[in-house]
Protein backbone atom coordinates (compact mmCIF):
# COMPACT_ATOMS: atom_id res chain seq x y z
CA MET A 1 199.76 -67.80 64.43
CA ILE A 2 200.27 -65.34 60.95
CA GLY A 3 202.98 -63.60 60.19
CA ILE A 4 203.56 -61.33 56.97
CA ASN A 5 206.87 -59.98 55.72
CA ILE A 6 206.74 -57.62 52.99
CA GLY A 7 210.37 -56.64 51.44
CA GLY A 8 211.23 -54.83 48.44
CA ALA A 9 211.50 -58.06 46.57
CA SER A 10 209.14 -60.41 48.09
CA VAL A 11 206.22 -60.81 50.50
CA VAL A 12 206.54 -63.80 52.37
CA CYS A 13 203.68 -65.49 55.32
CA ALA A 14 204.46 -67.76 57.99
CA MET A 15 201.51 -69.40 58.99
CA LEU A 16 201.99 -71.40 62.21
CA GLU A 17 199.28 -74.36 62.82
CA ASP A 18 200.04 -78.13 63.18
CA GLU A 19 203.54 -76.87 61.29
CA ILE A 20 204.74 -74.64 59.78
CA LYS A 21 203.90 -73.40 56.55
CA ILE A 22 205.90 -70.41 54.20
CA LEU A 23 204.26 -68.59 51.35
CA LYS A 24 206.63 -66.55 49.30
CA LYS A 25 204.78 -64.79 46.17
CA PRO A 26 206.96 -61.74 44.01
CA ALA A 27 206.17 -58.07 46.00
CA GLU A 28 204.27 -56.44 42.61
CA ILE A 29 201.12 -59.26 43.40
CA GLY A 30 202.15 -60.67 47.23
CA LEU A 31 199.85 -59.42 49.48
CA GLU A 32 196.73 -60.26 46.95
CA ALA A 33 198.10 -63.36 45.72
CA ILE A 34 198.98 -65.05 49.68
CA ALA A 35 195.41 -63.66 50.23
CA ASN A 36 193.56 -65.52 47.51
CA GLU A 37 195.89 -68.99 48.47
CA ILE A 38 194.78 -69.02 52.67
CA LYS A 39 190.82 -69.23 53.80
CA ASP A 40 189.19 -66.42 55.19
CA ILE A 41 192.06 -64.80 55.50
CA SER A 42 190.06 -60.88 56.60
CA LYS A 43 188.93 -63.36 59.37
CA HIS A 44 192.56 -63.68 61.07
CA LYS A 45 195.23 -61.95 63.10
CA ALA A 46 198.57 -60.75 61.48
CA ILE A 47 201.82 -59.58 62.68
CA VAL A 48 203.06 -57.15 59.62
CA SER A 49 206.87 -56.69 59.48
CA THR A 50 208.86 -54.52 56.65
CA SER A 51 212.06 -53.61 55.29
CA LEU A 52 210.56 -51.07 52.98
CA PRO A 53 210.80 -47.92 54.99
CA MET A 54 214.72 -48.89 55.67
CA ASN A 55 214.72 -48.94 52.16
CA HIS A 56 213.09 -46.18 51.02
CA ILE A 57 215.40 -43.34 53.40
CA LEU A 58 218.84 -45.14 52.12
CA MET A 59 217.09 -44.84 48.77
CA LYS A 60 214.87 -41.35 48.11
CA TYR A 61 215.71 -39.45 51.70
CA GLU A 62 217.75 -36.64 49.77
CA LYS A 63 215.59 -36.97 46.89
CA LEU A 64 212.57 -36.64 48.80
CA LYS A 65 212.52 -32.82 49.49
CA THR A 66 211.10 -31.67 53.01
CA LEU A 67 209.70 -28.00 53.96
CA VAL A 68 210.42 -28.16 57.72
CA LEU A 69 208.68 -25.58 59.87
CA LEU A 70 209.68 -25.20 63.30
CA ILE A 71 207.64 -23.32 66.32
CA PRO A 72 210.60 -23.10 68.57
CA GLY A 73 209.54 -20.31 70.35
CA PRO A 74 212.31 -18.27 71.93
CA GLY A 75 216.02 -19.82 72.72
CA LEU A 76 218.40 -21.45 70.75
CA ASN A 77 218.30 -20.91 66.88
CA TYR A 78 217.34 -23.88 64.78
CA CYS A 79 217.33 -21.82 61.72
CA SER A 80 219.42 -24.62 60.62
CA TYR A 81 217.35 -27.46 60.74
CA GLY A 82 214.32 -25.73 58.55
CA TYR A 83 212.38 -22.31 58.23
CA ILE A 84 211.30 -20.44 62.01
CA LEU A 85 207.74 -19.69 62.55
CA LYS A 86 206.16 -16.67 65.17
CA GLY A 87 204.10 -18.88 67.50
CA TYR A 88 205.22 -20.48 71.32
CA VAL A 89 204.32 -23.18 73.69
CA ASN A 90 205.70 -23.21 76.81
CA HIS A 91 206.89 -26.10 78.95
CA ARG A 92 203.87 -26.19 80.30
CA GLY A 93 202.03 -26.60 77.17
CA ASP A 94 200.42 -22.59 77.23
CA VAL A 95 199.89 -21.08 74.06
CA VAL A 96 202.50 -17.74 74.66
CA GLU A 97 202.29 -16.97 70.96
CA ARG A 98 200.36 -17.67 68.45
CA ILE A 99 200.85 -18.32 64.93
CA ASP A 100 201.08 -16.25 62.28
CA GLU A 101 199.25 -17.64 59.33
CA LYS A 102 200.45 -15.21 56.61
CA GLU A 103 203.71 -16.31 56.95
CA VAL A 104 203.28 -20.22 56.77
CA ARG A 105 201.29 -19.67 53.43
CA LYS A 106 204.62 -17.34 51.57
CA ILE A 107 206.42 -20.02 53.14
CA LEU A 108 204.31 -23.18 51.33
CA GLU A 109 204.73 -20.67 47.97
CA ILE A 110 208.56 -21.58 48.05
CA PRO A 111 208.54 -24.59 44.68
CA GLY A 112 210.41 -28.28 45.18
CA TYR A 113 209.32 -30.18 48.55
CA SER A 114 207.82 -33.31 48.39
CA ASN A 115 206.98 -33.11 51.95
CA VAL A 116 206.41 -31.61 54.97
CA ALA A 117 207.73 -31.60 59.02
CA ILE A 118 206.24 -29.32 60.72
CA ALA A 119 207.82 -29.86 65.20
CA SER A 120 207.06 -27.58 68.16
CA LYS A 121 209.55 -27.34 70.37
CA PHE A 122 206.99 -28.30 73.21
CA SER A 123 204.40 -29.88 71.45
CA VAL A 124 203.87 -33.08 73.40
CA ARG A 125 202.70 -30.98 76.16
CA ASN A 126 200.32 -29.46 73.88
CA PRO A 127 200.42 -29.74 70.10
CA ILE A 128 197.52 -27.06 69.07
CA LEU A 129 200.02 -24.85 66.98
CA GLU A 130 201.43 -27.67 65.28
CA GLU A 131 197.36 -28.50 64.56
CA GLU A 132 196.84 -24.74 63.73
CA VAL A 133 200.08 -24.76 60.53
CA LYS A 134 198.83 -28.28 59.87
CA LYS A 135 195.45 -27.45 58.55
CA ILE A 136 196.90 -24.78 56.83
CA VAL A 137 199.43 -26.67 54.53
CA LEU A 138 197.04 -29.08 53.40
CA GLU A 139 195.85 -26.09 51.21
CA LYS A 140 198.93 -27.55 49.35
CA PHE A 141 200.24 -31.23 51.02
CA GLU A 142 197.54 -33.96 51.03
CA GLU A 143 197.44 -35.31 54.52
CA LYS A 144 199.59 -38.42 53.97
CA LYS A 145 202.33 -36.35 53.39
CA ILE A 146 202.73 -33.93 56.48
CA ALA A 147 204.34 -35.21 59.79
CA LEU A 148 203.59 -33.90 63.54
CA SER A 149 206.18 -34.29 65.42
CA ASN A 150 203.92 -34.27 68.56
CA PHE A 151 203.00 -38.43 67.54
CA VAL A 152 206.77 -38.64 68.37
CA GLY A 153 207.12 -37.77 71.72
CA GLY A 154 209.92 -37.55 73.93
CA LEU A 155 211.51 -33.55 75.53
CA ASN A 156 214.52 -34.29 72.98
CA TYR A 157 213.64 -31.14 70.83
CA PRO A 158 216.56 -30.94 67.95
CA ALA A 159 216.06 -35.35 68.47
CA ARG A 160 212.38 -35.20 67.61
CA ILE A 161 212.64 -32.59 64.73
CA ASN A 162 215.28 -34.76 62.68
CA THR A 163 212.70 -38.40 63.27
CA THR A 164 209.78 -36.01 62.66
CA ILE A 165 211.80 -35.50 59.45
CA ILE A 166 212.03 -38.80 58.49
CA ASN A 167 208.31 -39.53 58.78
CA ALA A 168 207.36 -36.51 56.68
CA LYS A 169 209.56 -38.93 53.96
CA LEU A 170 207.78 -42.05 55.13
CA LYS A 171 204.25 -41.72 56.00
CA GLU A 172 202.55 -41.20 52.36
CA MET A 173 204.40 -44.60 52.12
CA ILE A 174 203.58 -46.74 55.20
CA TRP A 175 199.83 -44.50 54.84
CA ASN A 176 199.92 -46.75 51.15
CA LEU A 177 200.90 -49.70 52.65
CA THR A 178 198.27 -49.72 55.04
CA ASP A 179 195.59 -49.36 52.86
CA GLU A 180 196.71 -52.44 50.91
CA VAL A 181 197.02 -54.67 53.87
CA LYS A 182 193.88 -53.30 55.23
CA LYS A 183 192.31 -55.26 51.70
CA PHE A 184 193.10 -58.76 52.77
CA ILE A 185 193.64 -58.19 56.33
CA PRO A 186 190.96 -56.47 58.93
CA ASN A 187 192.63 -56.78 61.79
CA PHE A 188 196.33 -56.17 61.68
CA TYR A 189 199.56 -55.57 64.26
CA TYR A 190 203.05 -53.53 62.67
CA LEU A 191 205.91 -55.18 64.62
CA THR A 192 208.22 -52.15 65.77
CA SER A 193 212.01 -51.55 65.61
CA ASP A 194 212.30 -51.87 69.11
CA GLY A 195 210.01 -55.66 69.09
CA SER A 196 206.60 -54.02 70.15
CA ILE A 197 203.48 -54.70 68.27
CA SER A 198 201.87 -51.41 67.56
CA MET A 199 198.60 -50.12 65.85
CA PRO A 200 198.45 -49.14 62.09
CA ASN A 201 197.58 -45.83 63.09
CA ILE A 202 199.73 -45.22 65.35
CA VAL A 203 202.81 -46.19 63.47
CA ILE A 204 201.04 -44.04 60.04
CA GLU A 205 200.97 -40.88 62.53
CA ASN A 206 205.04 -42.35 63.58
CA PRO A 207 206.23 -44.33 60.69
CA SER A 208 209.89 -44.15 61.96
CA LEU A 209 208.61 -46.68 64.72
CA LEU A 210 209.38 -49.08 61.33
CA TYR A 211 212.33 -48.42 60.16
CA ASN A 212 214.11 -51.92 61.72
CA SER A 213 211.21 -53.88 61.51
CA SER A 214 212.98 -56.41 59.29
CA SER A 215 215.37 -56.88 61.84
CA VAL A 216 213.71 -57.57 64.72
CA ALA A 217 211.37 -59.86 63.10
CA SER A 218 214.67 -61.65 61.36
CA ALA A 219 215.91 -61.96 65.84
CA PHE A 220 212.80 -63.37 66.76
CA GLY A 221 213.29 -65.69 63.09
CA ALA A 222 215.49 -67.41 64.36
CA MET A 223 216.07 -67.22 68.20
CA PHE A 224 212.58 -69.44 67.38
CA LEU A 225 214.11 -71.46 65.03
CA THR A 226 217.66 -72.03 66.32
CA GLY A 227 217.62 -71.92 70.27
CA ILE A 228 220.91 -70.24 69.89
CA LYS A 229 221.39 -67.82 72.90
CA ASP A 230 224.94 -65.85 71.41
CA CYS A 231 224.39 -65.70 67.79
CA VAL A 232 224.91 -62.66 65.07
CA VAL A 233 221.72 -63.13 62.70
CA VAL A 234 223.06 -62.40 58.84
CA ASP A 235 219.97 -61.68 57.23
CA ILE A 236 220.88 -61.22 53.60
CA GLY A 237 217.48 -60.01 51.65
CA GLY A 238 216.85 -58.15 48.26
CA HIS A 239 217.74 -54.83 49.15
CA SER A 240 220.29 -55.65 52.15
CA THR A 241 221.58 -57.11 54.19
CA ASN A 242 221.57 -56.66 57.64
CA LEU A 243 223.66 -58.44 60.89
CA ILE A 244 221.83 -58.29 63.94
CA PRO A 245 223.32 -59.29 67.99
CA ILE A 246 221.71 -62.13 69.50
CA GLU A 247 223.27 -61.94 73.31
CA ASN A 248 221.82 -64.20 76.33
CA GLY A 249 218.74 -65.10 74.12
CA LYS A 250 218.25 -61.73 73.43
CA PRO A 251 219.00 -58.81 70.50
CA ARG A 252 219.96 -55.69 72.08
CA PHE A 253 218.22 -52.74 71.89
CA VAL A 254 219.96 -49.14 71.26
CA ASP A 255 218.12 -45.59 72.05
CA PHE A 256 218.11 -42.44 70.27
CA LEU A 257 219.01 -44.71 66.63
CA GLU A 258 221.48 -43.02 64.36
CA ILE A 259 219.50 -42.60 60.83
CA MET A 260 221.44 -40.87 58.15
CA GLY A 261 223.56 -39.08 59.98
CA LYS A 262 221.20 -37.95 62.45
CA ARG A 263 220.38 -38.70 65.46
CA THR A 264 216.60 -39.46 66.42
CA LEU A 265 214.25 -40.58 68.50
CA VAL A 266 213.55 -44.44 67.35
CA ARG A 267 214.30 -47.00 69.98
CA SER A 268 215.60 -49.92 67.97
CA VAL A 269 217.04 -53.59 67.56
CA GLU A 270 220.92 -52.04 66.94
CA ALA A 271 221.57 -53.96 63.35
CA ILE A 272 224.56 -52.90 61.03
CA VAL A 273 222.93 -52.73 57.82
CA ILE A 274 224.98 -53.19 54.71
CA PRO A 275 223.48 -51.77 51.26
CA PHE A 276 223.83 -55.06 49.43
CA GLY A 277 221.14 -57.58 48.63
CA GLY A 278 220.53 -60.54 45.55
CA ASN A 279 219.44 -57.50 44.00
CA SER A 280 221.83 -55.74 43.55
CA VAL A 281 223.51 -55.06 40.43
CA ILE A 282 226.98 -55.54 39.22
CA SER A 283 228.68 -52.56 37.02
CA GLU A 284 232.57 -53.21 35.73
CA GLY A 285 232.68 -55.86 38.79
CA ARG A 286 231.57 -54.09 41.81
CA LEU A 287 228.32 -53.90 43.87
CA THR A 288 226.49 -50.80 42.87
CA GLU A 289 223.57 -49.46 44.94
CA GLU A 290 221.18 -49.90 41.50
CA LEU A 291 218.70 -52.54 42.38
CA CYS A 292 217.02 -54.55 39.45
CA LYS A 293 215.03 -58.18 39.67
CA PRO A 294 218.35 -61.28 38.98
CA ILE A 295 218.32 -62.36 35.16
CA ALA A 296 217.66 -65.42 37.78
CA PHE A 297 214.39 -64.54 38.48
CA GLY A 298 213.48 -62.48 34.80
CA GLY A 299 215.08 -58.96 35.05
CA GLU A 300 217.30 -57.33 33.11
CA LYS A 301 220.85 -56.96 34.68
CA PHE A 302 223.51 -58.74 36.55
CA THR A 303 222.89 -58.78 40.09
CA LEU A 304 225.17 -60.58 42.72
CA THR A 305 222.04 -63.58 42.75
CA ASP A 306 223.69 -63.76 39.46
CA ALA A 307 227.19 -63.60 40.26
CA ILE A 308 226.08 -65.98 42.97
CA ASN A 309 225.09 -68.54 39.79
CA CYS A 310 228.26 -68.39 38.27
CA ILE A 311 230.09 -69.71 40.93
CA GLY A 312 228.40 -72.58 40.92
CA GLN A 313 225.09 -72.87 42.75
CA GLU A 314 221.47 -72.80 41.11
CA ILE A 315 219.23 -70.37 41.96
CA GLY A 316 216.24 -70.12 39.71
CA ASP A 317 217.37 -70.32 36.72
CA PHE A 318 221.03 -70.95 37.06
CA LYS A 319 221.63 -70.71 33.39
CA ALA A 320 220.78 -68.20 32.46
CA SER A 321 223.10 -66.33 34.72
CA ARG A 322 225.84 -68.19 33.98
CA SER A 323 224.85 -67.19 30.12
CA PHE A 324 224.85 -63.45 30.13
CA GLU A 325 225.86 -61.72 27.34
CA GLU A 326 227.66 -59.16 29.08
CA LYS A 327 230.98 -60.34 30.56
CA VAL A 328 231.01 -59.79 34.58
CA ASP A 329 233.98 -60.34 37.15
CA TYR A 330 231.15 -62.20 38.81
CA ASP A 331 234.08 -63.68 41.67
CA VAL A 332 235.45 -60.45 41.87
CA ALA A 333 232.29 -59.44 43.31
CA VAL A 334 231.36 -62.01 45.38
CA GLN A 335 234.47 -61.74 47.34
CA GLN A 336 233.40 -57.85 47.63
CA PHE A 337 230.08 -58.51 48.84
CA VAL A 338 231.76 -62.34 51.51
CA SER A 339 234.36 -59.13 52.50
CA LEU A 340 232.00 -56.56 53.79
CA VAL A 341 229.92 -59.51 55.78
CA ALA A 342 232.92 -61.13 56.97
CA GLU A 343 234.41 -58.38 58.59
CA ASN A 344 232.27 -56.21 60.18
CA LEU A 345 231.51 -59.77 61.66
CA LYS A 346 235.08 -59.32 62.84
CA GLU A 347 233.75 -55.92 64.13
CA LEU A 348 231.28 -58.44 66.36
CA ASP A 349 233.05 -60.69 67.79
CA ALA A 350 230.60 -63.02 66.33
CA LYS A 351 231.47 -66.90 67.06
CA MET A 352 227.91 -67.77 65.52
CA ILE A 353 226.12 -67.38 62.60
CA VAL A 354 222.58 -68.06 61.58
CA GLY A 355 221.57 -67.48 58.28
CA SER A 356 218.22 -66.06 57.10
CA GLY A 357 216.80 -64.54 53.40
CA TYR A 358 216.73 -66.96 50.21
CA LEU A 359 220.35 -66.27 49.53
CA ALA A 360 221.19 -67.81 52.90
CA PRO A 361 222.32 -71.81 51.99
CA PHE A 362 224.40 -70.17 48.97
CA ILE A 363 226.64 -67.80 50.55
CA ILE A 364 226.56 -68.45 54.18
CA PRO A 365 228.78 -70.89 53.95
CA GLU A 366 231.24 -68.47 52.39
CA ILE A 367 231.12 -66.31 54.56
CA ALA A 368 232.19 -68.31 57.62
CA LYS A 369 234.73 -69.72 55.88
CA LYS A 370 235.91 -66.30 55.71
CA ALA A 371 234.96 -64.84 58.64
CA LYS A 372 236.76 -68.12 60.62
CA ILE A 373 233.46 -68.50 62.59
CA SER A 374 231.31 -71.45 62.97
CA TYR A 375 226.98 -71.12 61.42
CA VAL A 376 223.65 -72.28 60.51
CA ILE A 377 221.30 -71.75 58.64
CA PRO A 378 217.77 -73.37 59.50
CA LYS A 379 214.94 -75.46 57.53
CA PHE A 380 213.07 -72.46 56.96
CA TYR A 381 215.53 -69.78 56.47
CA ASP A 382 213.26 -68.08 53.42
CA GLY A 383 211.28 -67.46 55.94
CA VAL A 384 212.69 -65.90 58.68
CA ARG A 385 211.52 -62.96 58.71
CA ALA A 386 207.46 -63.45 58.72
CA ILE A 387 208.18 -66.65 61.60
CA GLY A 388 209.48 -64.19 63.84
CA SER A 389 206.58 -62.04 63.19
CA ALA A 390 203.75 -64.56 63.93
CA VAL A 391 205.92 -65.61 67.16
CA SER A 392 206.81 -62.02 68.96
CA ARG A 393 205.06 -61.74 71.87
CA ILE A 394 202.26 -59.11 72.18
CA SER A 395 204.13 -56.16 73.40
CA LEU A 396 203.78 -52.59 73.66
CA THR A 397 205.79 -49.24 74.32
CA LEU A 398 203.45 -46.96 75.93
CA HIS A 399 204.31 -42.60 76.72
CA ALA A 400 201.94 -41.39 78.93
CA ARG A 401 202.29 -38.27 79.57
CA PHE A 402 199.89 -36.60 82.21
CA ASP A 403 199.05 -32.75 83.25
CA THR A 404 197.04 -32.69 86.76
CA GLU A 405 196.83 -28.94 86.37
CA LYS A 406 194.57 -29.21 82.91
CA GLY A 407 193.21 -33.05 83.72
CA VAL A 408 194.85 -34.29 81.13
CA ALA A 409 196.63 -37.40 79.89
CA ILE A 410 197.88 -38.39 76.39
CA TYR A 411 198.83 -41.83 75.63
CA ASN A 412 200.86 -42.84 72.29
CA GLY A 413 199.25 -39.23 71.05
CA CYS A 414 195.99 -39.72 71.96
CA PHE A 415 194.34 -37.47 74.35
CA GLU A 416 191.85 -38.55 77.21
CA ARG A 417 191.36 -37.44 80.71
CA ALA A 418 193.65 -37.82 83.31
CA PRO A 419 192.94 -39.98 86.20
CA PHE A 420 193.78 -37.87 88.39
CA ARG A 421 191.52 -35.36 90.18
CA ILE A 422 192.80 -31.25 88.57
CA GLY A 423 195.43 -29.66 90.71
CA SER A 424 196.86 -32.65 92.13
CA LEU A 425 200.22 -33.74 92.77
CA PRO A 426 200.27 -37.56 92.45
CA LYS A 427 203.43 -39.19 94.17
CA ASP A 428 206.02 -40.75 91.32
CA ASP A 429 204.70 -44.33 92.20
CA GLU A 430 201.36 -43.45 91.61
CA ILE A 431 201.89 -41.54 88.23
CA ILE A 432 203.79 -45.14 87.36
CA GLU A 433 201.45 -46.93 88.30
CA ALA A 434 198.57 -45.18 86.66
CA ALA A 435 200.45 -45.23 83.21
CA ARG A 436 201.22 -49.16 83.89
CA LYS A 437 197.61 -50.19 84.76
CA LYS A 438 197.02 -48.15 80.91
CA MET A 439 199.44 -50.65 79.83
CA ILE A 440 197.73 -53.50 81.00
CA GLU A 441 194.26 -52.24 79.48
CA ILE A 442 195.76 -51.67 76.03
CA ALA A 443 197.62 -54.75 76.12
CA LYS A 444 194.34 -56.73 77.03
CA SER A 445 193.19 -55.53 73.84
CA LEU A 446 195.92 -56.34 71.38
CA GLY A 447 195.45 -60.27 73.20
CA ALA A 448 198.44 -60.18 75.96
CA GLU A 449 196.80 -61.49 78.58
CA GLU A 450 199.76 -63.71 79.39
CA GLU A 451 201.73 -61.69 79.27
CA ILE A 452 201.37 -58.26 80.94
CA GLU A 453 203.24 -58.62 83.77
CA ASP A 454 206.80 -58.39 82.39
CA ILE A 455 206.20 -53.91 82.52
CA LYS A 456 209.26 -52.36 82.48
CA VAL A 457 210.04 -48.90 82.00
CA LEU A 458 211.96 -47.08 80.60
CA ASP A 459 211.77 -43.45 81.56
CA PHE A 460 210.28 -41.43 83.84
CA TYR A 461 210.33 -37.11 84.29
CA SER A 462 207.99 -35.31 86.01
CA PHE A 463 208.14 -31.19 87.35
CA THR A 464 205.38 -29.28 89.95
CA ILE A 465 203.87 -26.39 88.12
CA VAL A 466 204.01 -22.89 90.35
CA LYS A 467 202.08 -20.35 89.39
CA GLY A 468 202.23 -16.88 91.93
CA GLY A 469 203.42 -18.73 94.42
CA ILE A 470 201.10 -21.81 94.56
CA LYS A 471 201.74 -25.60 93.60
CA ARG A 472 198.89 -25.92 90.76
CA GLY A 473 199.59 -29.44 89.59
CA LEU A 474 202.08 -31.28 88.08
CA ILE A 475 203.15 -32.14 84.39
CA ALA A 476 204.76 -36.00 84.08
CA ASP A 477 205.93 -38.31 81.23
CA VAL A 478 206.93 -41.50 81.84
CA THR A 479 207.79 -44.34 79.00
CA MET A 480 207.62 -48.29 79.23
CA GLN A 481 207.07 -51.03 78.00
CA ILE A 482 205.66 -54.78 77.60
CA GLU A 483 209.31 -56.85 76.86
CA PRO A 484 209.23 -58.04 73.44
CA GLY A 485 210.42 -61.54 72.68
CA VAL A 486 209.41 -64.34 71.14
CA ARG A 487 206.10 -66.73 72.89
CA ARG A 488 205.70 -70.68 72.75
CA TRP A 489 204.41 -72.09 70.09
CA LYS A 490 201.73 -73.98 71.59
CA LYS A 491 200.71 -76.94 68.23
CA LEU A 492 197.65 -77.74 68.02
């Protein structure tokens, strides 16, 4: 089993064979350097988690200006979200009004946008208008900068718009990251925010799936290494610190995750994100949003890592941290960080914390003391995320849509022929069973033969299509999941 975590500061690889082996490299050379040390790495399958999407949004949300093109049809006014286009697909998936190509091209002349989000209200029933608008947008923007809402799934239009905007800001980065990983590991999967395993082609079209990828990896890694069933994982990274509650041996999950104050359709592990980590620059005795490699590791600006060295710890070239020529109130900055984490732990009513990340043994004891709770730092504290990726049980979330009037089924955005006769009216349990069979088929292709029975229905909705007083078929939406978790490690 190979797990890889790609962070802003480093890339960590965990290999679980007869023993656990951790490889850690600086982010700028990480994947290539790791590939050079693992024999025949291209023949392995790997599960990849990453904190890059969250860091990207936190740092560049406003800078990456998104052109939002909406096709809502009649009804509520969505102009506060973006530009309203002509065109309409109704709730049955029928095209009632076509788009105006000249209108789209005129809007594309407006300068200053980095990426494009396209959202038709009922594109989950028929994405044709989104595809038509995309074809025109491709005249001005690369495909890696265009996000369509039909890949998100879910009927909540405002939340789907918000999610598509996030996707538009992330897509180019995840597209490029995927290409980079494939250079060395052709067969890999992403660990998504809800603990599922997803294929790269699906994630590229819906990259918000990775928003809390590293947090869920931290949770799985901490559970695997410690066996503690009730705790809060305090994962200190280079760019941020995440607090992930574990209850009864499972992380908590939330629907409609808020990202930058906007309600989205992302299902995610619950986590509190503190926007400071080891690479956070200290200025005038305070932590700032600026990031830099620590002086202890060859950087040029004084960071939280350097401040921890100045209070007596020895991380990297600790002498370089202590001899920094400018006067810095390092003790004030360290206490700012410790107090901030401790306050959030108290709000979570934490009784035990598990520390992870390269700073864990140096600062977790201070945090635990401040919060007045006990702590554990596992042996492989610096590889918790990568280990969590490696031991994550093959899980899967499936969004299935059946339209028996048209004879179409859509599985996670991919169109196929429906498993029901055209015009038929299958019962609810028949629809759920059809989705379950597809789930098992996909799960087997991912190698989950031993885990495909643990399937849970997360959401179900259906309605009958009536035209001219005659029942013509039905449309049903099903969301189900092989529940995520940690698999057992079978030593060779």
